PDB file of all heavy atoms in Angstrom:
ATOM      1  N   VAL A   1      -1.981   8.803  -4.720  1.00  0.00           N
ATOM      2  CA  VAL A   1      -1.712   8.622  -6.089  1.00  0.00           C
ATOM      3  C   VAL A   1      -2.913   8.335  -7.001  1.00  0.00           C
ATOM      4  O   VAL A   1      -3.155   8.922  -8.082  1.00  0.00           O
ATOM      5  CB  VAL A   1      -0.637   7.494  -6.318  1.00  0.00           C
ATOM      6  CG1 VAL A   1      -0.429   7.061  -7.904  1.00  0.00           C
ATOM      7  CG2 VAL A   1       0.775   7.954  -5.745  1.00  0.00           C
ATOM      8  N   GLU A   2      -3.705   7.488  -6.444  1.00  0.00           N
ATOM      9  CA  GLU A   2      -5.154   7.159  -7.082  1.00  0.00           C
ATOM     10  C   GLU A   2      -5.815   8.503  -7.294  1.00  0.00           C
ATOM     11  O   GLU A   2      -6.450   8.764  -8.311  1.00  0.00           O
ATOM     12  CB  GLU A   2      -5.907   6.222  -6.377  1.00  0.00           C
ATOM     13  CG  GLU A   2      -5.322   4.816  -6.431  1.00  0.00           C
ATOM     14  CD  GLU A   2      -6.290   3.829  -5.854  1.00  0.00           C
ATOM     15  OE1 GLU A   2      -7.603   4.170  -5.712  1.00  0.00           O
ATOM     16  OE2 GLU A   2      -5.854   2.632  -5.537  1.00  0.00           O
ATOM     17  N   ASN A   3      -5.934   9.263  -6.277  1.00  0.00           N
ATOM     18  CA  ASN A   3      -6.591  10.594  -6.372  1.00  0.00           C
ATOM     19  C   ASN A   3      -6.194  11.446  -7.441  1.00  0.00           C
ATOM     20  O   ASN A   3      -6.834  12.067  -8.259  1.00  0.00           O
ATOM     21  CB  ASN A   3      -6.474  11.255  -5.042  1.00  0.00           C
ATOM     22  CG  ASN A   3      -7.580  10.658  -4.011  1.00  0.00           C
ATOM     23  OD1 ASN A   3      -8.288   9.851  -4.150  1.00  0.00           O
ATOM     24  ND2 ASN A   3      -7.278  11.042  -2.674  1.00  0.00           N
ATOM     25  N   ILE A   4      -4.751  11.551  -7.540  1.00  0.00           N
ATOM     26  CA  ILE A   4      -4.091  12.370  -8.466  1.00  0.00           C
ATOM     27  C   ILE A   4      -4.331  11.921  -9.955  1.00  0.00           C
ATOM     28  O   ILE A   4      -4.650  12.653 -10.756  1.00  0.00           O
ATOM     29  CB  ILE A   4      -2.612  12.586  -8.098  1.00  0.00           C
ATOM     30  CG1 ILE A   4      -2.396  13.341  -6.888  1.00  0.00           C
ATOM     31  CG2 ILE A   4      -1.774  13.119  -9.371  1.00  0.00           C
ATOM     32  CD1 ILE A   4      -0.906  13.223  -6.414  1.00  0.00           C
ATOM     33  N   CYS A   5      -4.151  10.664 -10.066  1.00  0.00           N
ATOM     34  CA  CYS A   5      -4.082  10.038 -11.459  1.00  0.00           C
ATOM     35  C   CYS A   5      -5.440   9.583 -12.026  1.00  0.00           C
ATOM     36  O   CYS A   5      -5.572   9.496 -13.303  1.00  0.00           O
ATOM     37  CB  CYS A   5      -3.084   8.806 -11.558  1.00  0.00           C
ATOM     38  SG  CYS A   5      -1.358   9.431 -11.167  1.00  0.00           S
ATOM     39  N   THR A   6      -6.405   9.310 -11.124  1.00  0.00           N
ATOM     40  CA  THR A   6      -7.635   8.722 -11.645  1.00  0.00           C
ATOM     41  C   THR A   6      -8.810   9.476 -11.222  1.00  0.00           C
ATOM     42  O   THR A   6     -10.011   9.233 -11.683  1.00  0.00           O
ATOM     43  CB  THR A   6      -7.838   7.228 -11.101  1.00  0.00           C
ATOM     44  OG1 THR A   6      -8.114   7.293  -9.724  1.00  0.00           O
ATOM     45  CG2 THR A   6      -6.527   6.369 -11.397  1.00  0.00           C
ATOM     46  N   GLY A   7      -8.592  10.615 -10.391  1.00  0.00           N
ATOM     47  CA  GLY A   7      -9.701  11.422 -10.074  1.00  0.00           C
ATOM     48  C   GLY A   7     -10.519  10.811  -8.802  1.00  0.00           C
ATOM     49  O   GLY A   7     -11.603  11.453  -8.719  1.00  0.00           O
ATOM     50  N   THR A   8     -10.193   9.843  -8.259  1.00  0.00           N
ATOM     51  CA  THR A   8     -10.901   9.346  -7.088  1.00  0.00           C
ATOM     52  C   THR A   8     -10.735  10.404  -5.960  1.00  0.00           C
ATOM     53  O   THR A   8     -10.058  11.364  -5.975  1.00  0.00           O
ATOM     54  CB  THR A   8     -10.429   7.996  -6.637  1.00  0.00           C
ATOM     55  OG1 THR A   8      -8.889   8.184  -6.381  1.00  0.00           O
ATOM     56  CG2 THR A   8     -10.574   6.877  -7.619  1.00  0.00           C
ATOM     57  N   THR A   9     -11.597  10.249  -4.986  1.00  0.00           N
ATOM     58  CA  THR A   9     -11.643  11.126  -3.800  1.00  0.00           C
ATOM     59  C   THR A   9     -11.452  10.492  -2.509  1.00  0.00           C
ATOM     60  O   THR A   9     -12.188  10.539  -1.571  1.00  0.00           O
ATOM     61  CB  THR A   9     -13.055  11.877  -3.854  1.00  0.00           C
ATOM     62  OG1 THR A   9     -14.058  10.941  -3.788  1.00  0.00           O
ATOM     63  CG2 THR A   9     -13.183  12.833  -5.122  1.00  0.00           C
ATOM     64  N   HIS A  10     -10.508   9.507  -2.404  1.00  0.00           N
ATOM     65  CA  HIS A  10     -10.206   8.829  -1.179  1.00  0.00           C
ATOM     66  C   HIS A  10      -9.877   9.925  -0.174  1.00  0.00           C
ATOM     67  O   HIS A  10      -9.015  10.870  -0.460  1.00  0.00           O
ATOM     68  CB  HIS A  10      -9.035   7.966  -1.376  1.00  0.00           C
ATOM     69  CG  HIS A  10      -9.224   6.770  -2.286  1.00  0.00           C
ATOM     70  ND1 HIS A  10     -10.130   5.829  -2.147  1.00  0.00           N
ATOM     71  CD2 HIS A  10      -8.536   6.439  -3.539  1.00  0.00           C
ATOM     72  CE1 HIS A  10     -10.114   4.898  -3.147  1.00  0.00           C
ATOM     73  NE2 HIS A  10      -9.048   5.357  -3.841  1.00  0.00           N
ATOM     74  N   ASP A  11     -10.353   9.687   1.122  1.00  0.00           N
ATOM     75  CA  ASP A  11     -10.001  10.623   2.174  1.00  0.00           C
ATOM     76  C   ASP A  11      -8.840   9.922   2.884  1.00  0.00           C
ATOM     77  O   ASP A  11      -9.051   8.992   3.808  1.00  0.00           O
ATOM     78  CB  ASP A  11     -11.063  10.808   3.083  1.00  0.00           C
ATOM     79  CG  ASP A  11     -10.759  11.779   4.242  1.00  0.00           C
ATOM     80  OD1 ASP A  11      -9.501  12.204   4.380  1.00  0.00           O
ATOM     81  OD2 ASP A  11     -11.689  12.226   4.935  1.00  0.00           O
ATOM     82  N   VAL A  12      -7.642  10.303   2.687  1.00  0.00           N
ATOM     83  CA  VAL A  12      -6.464   9.718   3.281  1.00  0.00           C
ATOM     84  C   VAL A  12      -6.385   9.938   4.683  1.00  0.00           C
ATOM     85  O   VAL A  12      -5.751   9.177   5.431  1.00  0.00           O
ATOM     86  CB  VAL A  12      -5.065  10.126   2.647  1.00  0.00           C
ATOM     87  CG1 VAL A  12      -5.007   9.833   1.122  1.00  0.00           C
ATOM     88  CG2 VAL A  12      -4.870  11.621   2.848  1.00  0.00           C
ATOM     89  N   TRP A  13      -7.076  10.922   5.189  1.00  0.00           N
ATOM     90  CA  TRP A  13      -7.117  11.075   6.663  1.00  0.00           C
ATOM     91  C   TRP A  13      -7.901  10.094   7.477  1.00  0.00           C
ATOM     92  O   TRP A  13      -7.972  10.031   8.686  1.00  0.00           O
ATOM     93  CB  TRP A  13      -7.547  12.602   7.051  1.00  0.00           C
ATOM     94  CG  TRP A  13      -6.641  13.597   6.467  1.00  0.00           C
ATOM     95  CD1 TRP A  13      -6.683  14.186   5.188  1.00  0.00           C
ATOM     96  CD2 TRP A  13      -5.640  14.124   7.166  1.00  0.00           C
ATOM     97  NE1 TRP A  13      -5.570  15.046   5.169  1.00  0.00           N
ATOM     98  CE2 TRP A  13      -4.907  15.050   6.338  1.00  0.00           C
ATOM     99  CE3 TRP A  13      -5.004  13.836   8.437  1.00  0.00           C
ATOM    100  CZ2 TRP A  13      -3.781  15.735   6.663  1.00  0.00           C
ATOM    101  CZ3 TRP A  13      -3.946  14.697   8.833  1.00  0.00           C
ATOM    102  CH2 TRP A  13      -3.303  15.609   7.971  1.00  0.00           C
ATOM    103  N   GLU A  14      -8.750   9.233   6.718  1.00  0.00           N
ATOM    104  CA  GLU A  14      -9.542   8.270   7.355  1.00  0.00           C
ATOM    105  C   GLU A  14      -8.685   6.904   7.419  1.00  0.00           C
ATOM    106  O   GLU A  14      -9.106   5.925   7.965  1.00  0.00           O
ATOM    107  CB  GLU A  14     -10.769   7.955   6.471  1.00  0.00           C
ATOM    108  CG  GLU A  14     -11.679   9.109   6.466  1.00  0.00           C
ATOM    109  CD  GLU A  14     -12.193   9.463   7.842  1.00  0.00           C
ATOM    110  OE1 GLU A  14     -12.248   8.511   8.672  1.00  0.00           O
ATOM    111  OE2 GLU A  14     -12.765  10.548   7.967  1.00  0.00           O
ATOM    112  N   VAL A  15      -7.428   6.837   6.923  1.00  0.00           N
ATOM    113  CA  VAL A  15      -6.532   5.716   7.140  1.00  0.00           C
ATOM    114  C   VAL A  15      -6.193   5.479   8.595  1.00  0.00           C
ATOM    115  O   VAL A  15      -5.650   6.498   9.143  1.00  0.00           O
ATOM    116  CB  VAL A  15      -5.335   5.812   6.298  1.00  0.00           C
ATOM    117  CG1 VAL A  15      -4.249   4.623   6.495  1.00  0.00           C
ATOM    118  CG2 VAL A  15      -5.754   5.768   4.716  1.00  0.00           C
ATOM    119  N   ASN A  16      -6.344   4.351   9.131  1.00  0.00           N
ATOM    120  CA  ASN A  16      -5.969   4.158  10.498  1.00  0.00           C
ATOM    121  C   ASN A  16      -6.667   4.892  11.490  1.00  0.00           C
ATOM    122  O   ASN A  16      -5.999   5.507  12.397  1.00  0.00           O
ATOM    123  CB  ASN A  16      -4.434   4.367  10.492  1.00  0.00           C
ATOM    124  CG  ASN A  16      -3.747   3.912  11.808  1.00  0.00           C
ATOM    125  OD1 ASN A  16      -4.433   2.971  12.589  1.00  0.00           O
ATOM    126  ND2 ASN A  16      -2.588   4.297  12.087  1.00  0.00           N
ATOM    127  N   VAL A  17      -7.990   4.942  11.552  1.00  0.00           N
ATOM    128  CA  VAL A  17      -8.714   5.684  12.425  1.00  0.00           C
ATOM    129  C   VAL A  17      -9.600   4.685  13.316  1.00  0.00           C
ATOM    130  O   VAL A  17      -9.606   4.842  14.418  1.00  0.00           O
ATOM    131  CB  VAL A  17      -9.659   6.607  11.736  1.00  0.00           C
ATOM    132  CG1 VAL A  17     -10.794   7.203  12.711  1.00  0.00           C
ATOM    133  CG2 VAL A  17      -8.899   7.768  10.988  1.00  0.00           C
ATOM    134  N   GLU A  18     -10.194   3.721  12.735  1.00  0.00           N
ATOM    135  CA  GLU A  18     -11.115   3.014  13.471  1.00  0.00           C
ATOM    136  C   GLU A  18     -10.404   2.064  14.641  1.00  0.00           C
ATOM    137  O   GLU A  18      -9.383   1.457  14.428  1.00  0.00           O
ATOM    138  CB  GLU A  18     -11.807   1.900  12.526  1.00  0.00           C
ATOM    139  CG  GLU A  18     -12.740   2.579  11.503  1.00  0.00           C
ATOM    140  CD  GLU A  18     -13.792   3.264  12.169  1.00  0.00           C
ATOM    141  OE1 GLU A  18     -14.533   2.649  12.923  1.00  0.00           O
ATOM    142  OE2 GLU A  18     -13.906   4.449  11.954  1.00  0.00           O
ATOM    143  N   GLU A  19     -11.074   1.972  15.819  1.00  0.00           N
ATOM    144  CA  GLU A  19     -10.566   1.321  16.862  1.00  0.00           C
ATOM    145  C   GLU A  19     -10.350  -0.116  16.553  1.00  0.00           C
ATOM    146  O   GLU A  19      -9.401  -0.734  17.109  1.00  0.00           O
ATOM    147  CB  GLU A  19     -11.587   1.380  18.072  1.00  0.00           C
ATOM    148  CG  GLU A  19     -11.581   2.804  18.705  1.00  0.00           C
ATOM    149  CD  GLU A  19     -12.363   2.812  19.984  1.00  0.00           C
ATOM    150  OE1 GLU A  19     -13.024   1.689  20.296  1.00  0.00           O
ATOM    151  OE2 GLU A  19     -12.568   3.895  20.554  1.00  0.00           O
ATOM    152  N   GLU A  20     -11.196  -0.737  15.661  1.00  0.00           N
ATOM    153  CA  GLU A  20     -10.954  -2.240  15.298  1.00  0.00           C
ATOM    154  C   GLU A  20     -10.026  -2.391  14.342  1.00  0.00           C
ATOM    155  O   GLU A  20      -9.568  -3.552  14.041  1.00  0.00           O
ATOM    156  CB  GLU A  20     -12.419  -2.726  14.954  1.00  0.00           C
ATOM    157  CG  GLU A  20     -13.496  -2.853  15.923  1.00  0.00           C
ATOM    158  CD  GLU A  20     -14.131  -1.519  16.212  1.00  0.00           C
ATOM    159  OE1 GLU A  20     -13.907  -0.552  15.422  1.00  0.00           O
ATOM    160  OE2 GLU A  20     -14.779  -1.292  17.231  1.00  0.00           O
ATOM    161  N   TYR A  21      -9.400  -1.426  13.843  1.00  0.00           N
ATOM    162  CA  TYR A  21      -8.673  -1.537  12.636  1.00  0.00           C
ATOM    163  C   TYR A  21      -7.425  -2.531  12.812  1.00  0.00           C
ATOM    164  O   TYR A  21      -7.138  -3.309  12.038  1.00  0.00           O
ATOM    165  CB  TYR A  21      -8.144  -0.172  12.192  1.00  0.00           C
ATOM    166  CG  TYR A  21      -7.427  -0.220  10.842  1.00  0.00           C
ATOM    167  CD1 TYR A  21      -8.063  -0.556   9.565  1.00  0.00           C
ATOM    168  CD2 TYR A  21      -6.079   0.171  10.706  1.00  0.00           C
ATOM    169  CE1 TYR A  21      -7.365  -0.517   8.444  1.00  0.00           C
ATOM    170  CE2 TYR A  21      -5.439   0.068   9.474  1.00  0.00           C
ATOM    171  CZ  TYR A  21      -6.059  -0.169   8.445  1.00  0.00           C
ATOM    172  OH  TYR A  21      -5.445  -0.250   7.149  1.00  0.00           O
ATOM    173  N   HIS A  22      -6.670  -2.212  13.866  1.00  0.00           N
ATOM    174  CA  HIS A  22      -5.594  -3.055  14.194  1.00  0.00           C
ATOM    175  C   HIS A  22      -5.789  -4.411  14.706  1.00  0.00           C
ATOM    176  O   HIS A  22      -4.980  -5.297  14.520  1.00  0.00           O
ATOM    177  CB  HIS A  22      -4.598  -2.429  15.194  1.00  0.00           C
ATOM    178  CG  HIS A  22      -4.247  -1.005  14.719  1.00  0.00           C
ATOM    179  ND1 HIS A  22      -3.331  -0.653  13.647  1.00  0.00           N
ATOM    180  CD2 HIS A  22      -4.526   0.340  15.282  1.00  0.00           C
ATOM    181  CE1 HIS A  22      -3.255   0.621  13.539  1.00  0.00           C
ATOM    182  NE2 HIS A  22      -3.983   1.196  14.436  1.00  0.00           N
ATOM    183  N   GLU A  23      -6.946  -4.462  15.335  1.00  0.00           N
ATOM    184  CA  GLU A  23      -7.205  -5.806  16.056  1.00  0.00           C
ATOM    185  C   GLU A  23      -8.120  -6.772  15.392  1.00  0.00           C
ATOM    186  O   GLU A  23      -7.855  -7.977  15.842  1.00  0.00           O
ATOM    187  CB  GLU A  23      -7.883  -5.358  17.461  1.00  0.00           C
ATOM    188  CG  GLU A  23      -7.378  -4.179  18.116  1.00  0.00           C
ATOM    189  CD  GLU A  23      -5.880  -4.492  18.624  1.00  0.00           C
ATOM    190  OE1 GLU A  23      -5.468  -5.622  18.617  1.00  0.00           O
ATOM    191  OE2 GLU A  23      -5.140  -3.459  18.793  1.00  0.00           O
ATOM    192  N   GLU A  24      -8.946  -6.479  14.385  1.00  0.00           N
ATOM    193  CA  GLU A  24      -9.782  -7.383  13.894  1.00  0.00           C
ATOM    194  C   GLU A  24      -9.483  -7.503  12.317  1.00  0.00           C
ATOM    195  O   GLU A  24      -9.366  -6.435  11.722  1.00  0.00           O
ATOM    196  CB  GLU A  24     -11.186  -6.962  14.093  1.00  0.00           C
ATOM    197  CG  GLU A  24     -11.577  -7.037  15.542  1.00  0.00           C
ATOM    198  CD  GLU A  24     -12.951  -6.634  15.762  1.00  0.00           C
ATOM    199  OE1 GLU A  24     -13.714  -6.342  14.749  1.00  0.00           O
ATOM    200  OE2 GLU A  24     -13.457  -6.582  16.885  1.00  0.00           O
ATOM    201  N   ALA A  25      -9.460  -8.740  11.842  1.00  0.00           N
ATOM    202  CA  ALA A  25      -9.281  -8.880  10.388  1.00  0.00           C
ATOM    203  C   ALA A  25     -10.518  -8.559   9.519  1.00  0.00           C
ATOM    204  O   ALA A  25     -11.340  -9.502   9.239  1.00  0.00           O
ATOM    205  CB  ALA A  25      -8.790 -10.399  10.120  1.00  0.00           C
ATOM    206  N   ALA A  26     -10.877  -7.327   9.530  1.00  0.00           N
ATOM    207  CA  ALA A  26     -12.182  -6.975   8.901  1.00  0.00           C
ATOM    208  C   ALA A  26     -11.764  -5.977   7.730  1.00  0.00           C
ATOM    209  O   ALA A  26     -10.589  -5.544   7.609  1.00  0.00           O
ATOM    210  CB  ALA A  26     -13.013  -6.204   9.935  1.00  0.00           C
ATOM    211  N   ALA A  27     -12.775  -5.819   6.895  1.00  0.00           N
ATOM    212  CA  ALA A  27     -12.537  -4.885   5.748  1.00  0.00           C
ATOM    213  C   ALA A  27     -12.282  -3.448   6.214  1.00  0.00           C
ATOM    214  O   ALA A  27     -12.829  -3.071   7.216  1.00  0.00           O
ATOM    215  CB  ALA A  27     -13.719  -4.883   4.775  1.00  0.00           C
ATOM    216  N   ILE A  28     -11.626  -2.706   5.407  1.00  0.00           N
ATOM    217  CA  ILE A  28     -11.378  -1.362   5.772  1.00  0.00           C
ATOM    218  C   ILE A  28     -12.753  -0.638   5.759  1.00  0.00           C
ATOM    219  O   ILE A  28     -13.497  -0.696   4.822  1.00  0.00           O
ATOM    220  CB  ILE A  28     -10.391  -0.787   4.798  1.00  0.00           C
ATOM    221  CG1 ILE A  28      -9.086  -1.379   4.846  1.00  0.00           C
ATOM    222  CG2 ILE A  28     -10.219   0.788   5.089  1.00  0.00           C
ATOM    223  CD1 ILE A  28      -8.035  -0.918   3.698  1.00  0.00           C
ATOM    224  N   PRO A  29     -13.101   0.037   6.887  1.00  0.00           N
ATOM    225  CA  PRO A  29     -14.470   0.638   6.957  1.00  0.00           C
ATOM    226  C   PRO A  29     -14.652   1.799   6.063  1.00  0.00           C
ATOM    227  O   PRO A  29     -13.684   2.458   5.644  1.00  0.00           O
ATOM    228  CB  PRO A  29     -14.488   1.127   8.484  1.00  0.00           C
ATOM    229  CG  PRO A  29     -13.101   1.239   8.849  1.00  0.00           C
ATOM    230  CD  PRO A  29     -12.295   0.241   8.051  1.00  0.00           C
ATOM    231  N   GLU A  30     -15.917   1.930   5.586  1.00  0.00           N
ATOM    232  CA  GLU A  30     -16.239   3.093   4.600  1.00  0.00           C
ATOM    233  C   GLU A  30     -16.159   4.341   5.344  1.00  0.00           C
ATOM    234  O   GLU A  30     -16.722   4.416   6.528  1.00  0.00           O
ATOM    235  CB  GLU A  30     -17.574   2.806   3.970  1.00  0.00           C
ATOM    236  CG  GLU A  30     -17.522   1.471   3.152  1.00  0.00           C
ATOM    237  CD  GLU A  30     -16.759   1.534   1.982  1.00  0.00           C
ATOM    238  OE1 GLU A  30     -16.508   2.650   1.464  1.00  0.00           O
ATOM    239  OE2 GLU A  30     -16.390   0.480   1.446  1.00  0.00           O
ATOM    240  N   PRO A  31     -15.796   5.435   4.726  1.00  0.00           N
ATOM    241  CA  PRO A  31     -15.813   6.773   5.426  1.00  0.00           C
ATOM    242  C   PRO A  31     -17.142   7.230   5.854  1.00  0.00           C
ATOM    243  O   PRO A  31     -17.347   7.804   6.842  1.00  0.00           O
ATOM    244  CB  PRO A  31     -15.262   7.723   4.401  1.00  0.00           C
ATOM    245  CG  PRO A  31     -14.322   6.927   3.502  1.00  0.00           C
ATOM    246  CD  PRO A  31     -14.994   5.559   3.511  1.00  0.00           C
ATOM    247  N   GLY A  32     -18.181   6.716   5.112  1.00  0.00           N
ATOM    248  CA  GLY A  32     -19.604   7.035   5.550  1.00  0.00           C
ATOM    249  C   GLY A  32     -19.982   6.350   6.795  1.00  0.00           C
ATOM    250  O   GLY A  32     -21.136   6.800   7.362  1.00  0.00           O
ATOM    251  N   GLU A  33     -19.364   5.416   7.315  1.00  0.00           N
ATOM    252  CA  GLU A  33     -19.742   4.729   8.473  1.00  0.00           C
ATOM    253  C   GLU A  33     -19.199   5.400   9.630  1.00  0.00           C
ATOM    254  O   GLU A  33     -19.556   4.981  10.814  1.00  0.00           O
ATOM    255  CB  GLU A  33     -19.146   3.273   8.437  1.00  0.00           C
ATOM    256  CG  GLU A  33     -19.682   2.465   7.263  1.00  0.00           C
ATOM    257  CD  GLU A  33     -19.042   1.081   7.292  1.00  0.00           C
ATOM    258  OE1 GLU A  33     -18.212   0.684   8.014  1.00  0.00           O
ATOM    259  OE2 GLU A  33     -19.373   0.328   6.274  1.00  0.00           O
ATOM    260  N   ARG A  34     -18.401   6.494   9.610  1.00  0.00           N
ATOM    261  CA  ARG A  34     -17.804   7.144  10.793  1.00  0.00           C
ATOM    262  C   ARG A  34     -18.572   8.377  10.955  1.00  0.00           C
ATOM    263  O   ARG A  34     -19.321   8.922  10.105  1.00  0.00           O
ATOM    264  CB  ARG A  34     -16.405   7.605  10.273  1.00  0.00           C
ATOM    265  CG  ARG A  34     -15.404   6.306  10.003  1.00  0.00           C
ATOM    266  CD  ARG A  34     -14.036   6.899   9.815  1.00  0.00           C
ATOM    267  NE  ARG A  34     -13.303   5.687   9.443  1.00  0.00           N
ATOM    268  CZ  ARG A  34     -12.885   5.357   8.251  1.00  0.00           C
ATOM    269  NH1 ARG A  34     -13.289   6.076   7.209  1.00  0.00           N
ATOM    270  NH2 ARG A  34     -12.096   4.373   8.015  1.00  0.00           N
ATOM    271  N   ALA A  35     -18.353   8.945  12.063  1.00  0.00           N
ATOM    272  CA  ALA A  35     -19.074  10.176  12.431  1.00  0.00           C
ATOM    273  C   ALA A  35     -18.456  11.393  11.548  1.00  0.00           C
ATOM    274  O   ALA A  35     -17.334  11.388  11.210  1.00  0.00           O
ATOM    275  CB  ALA A  35     -18.648  10.623  13.891  1.00  0.00           C
ATOM    276  N   PRO A  36     -19.396  12.171  11.014  1.00  0.00           N
ATOM    277  CA  PRO A  36     -19.040  13.217  10.067  1.00  0.00           C
ATOM    278  C   PRO A  36     -17.882  14.074  10.706  1.00  0.00           C
ATOM    279  O   PRO A  36     -17.880  14.458  11.690  1.00  0.00           O
ATOM    280  CB  PRO A  36     -20.237  14.131   9.865  1.00  0.00           C
ATOM    281  CG  PRO A  36     -21.407  13.066  10.207  1.00  0.00           C
ATOM    282  CD  PRO A  36     -20.809  12.285  11.265  1.00  0.00           C
TER     283      PRO A  36
END
């Protein structure tokens, strides 16, 4: 919805990818931190 209405370019395919995502209370990682 943000992409549609505000012109942002979130990559929704990066949601729920990182191995630590479920296990550690950390900030959501930036797409640039992942392998291209």
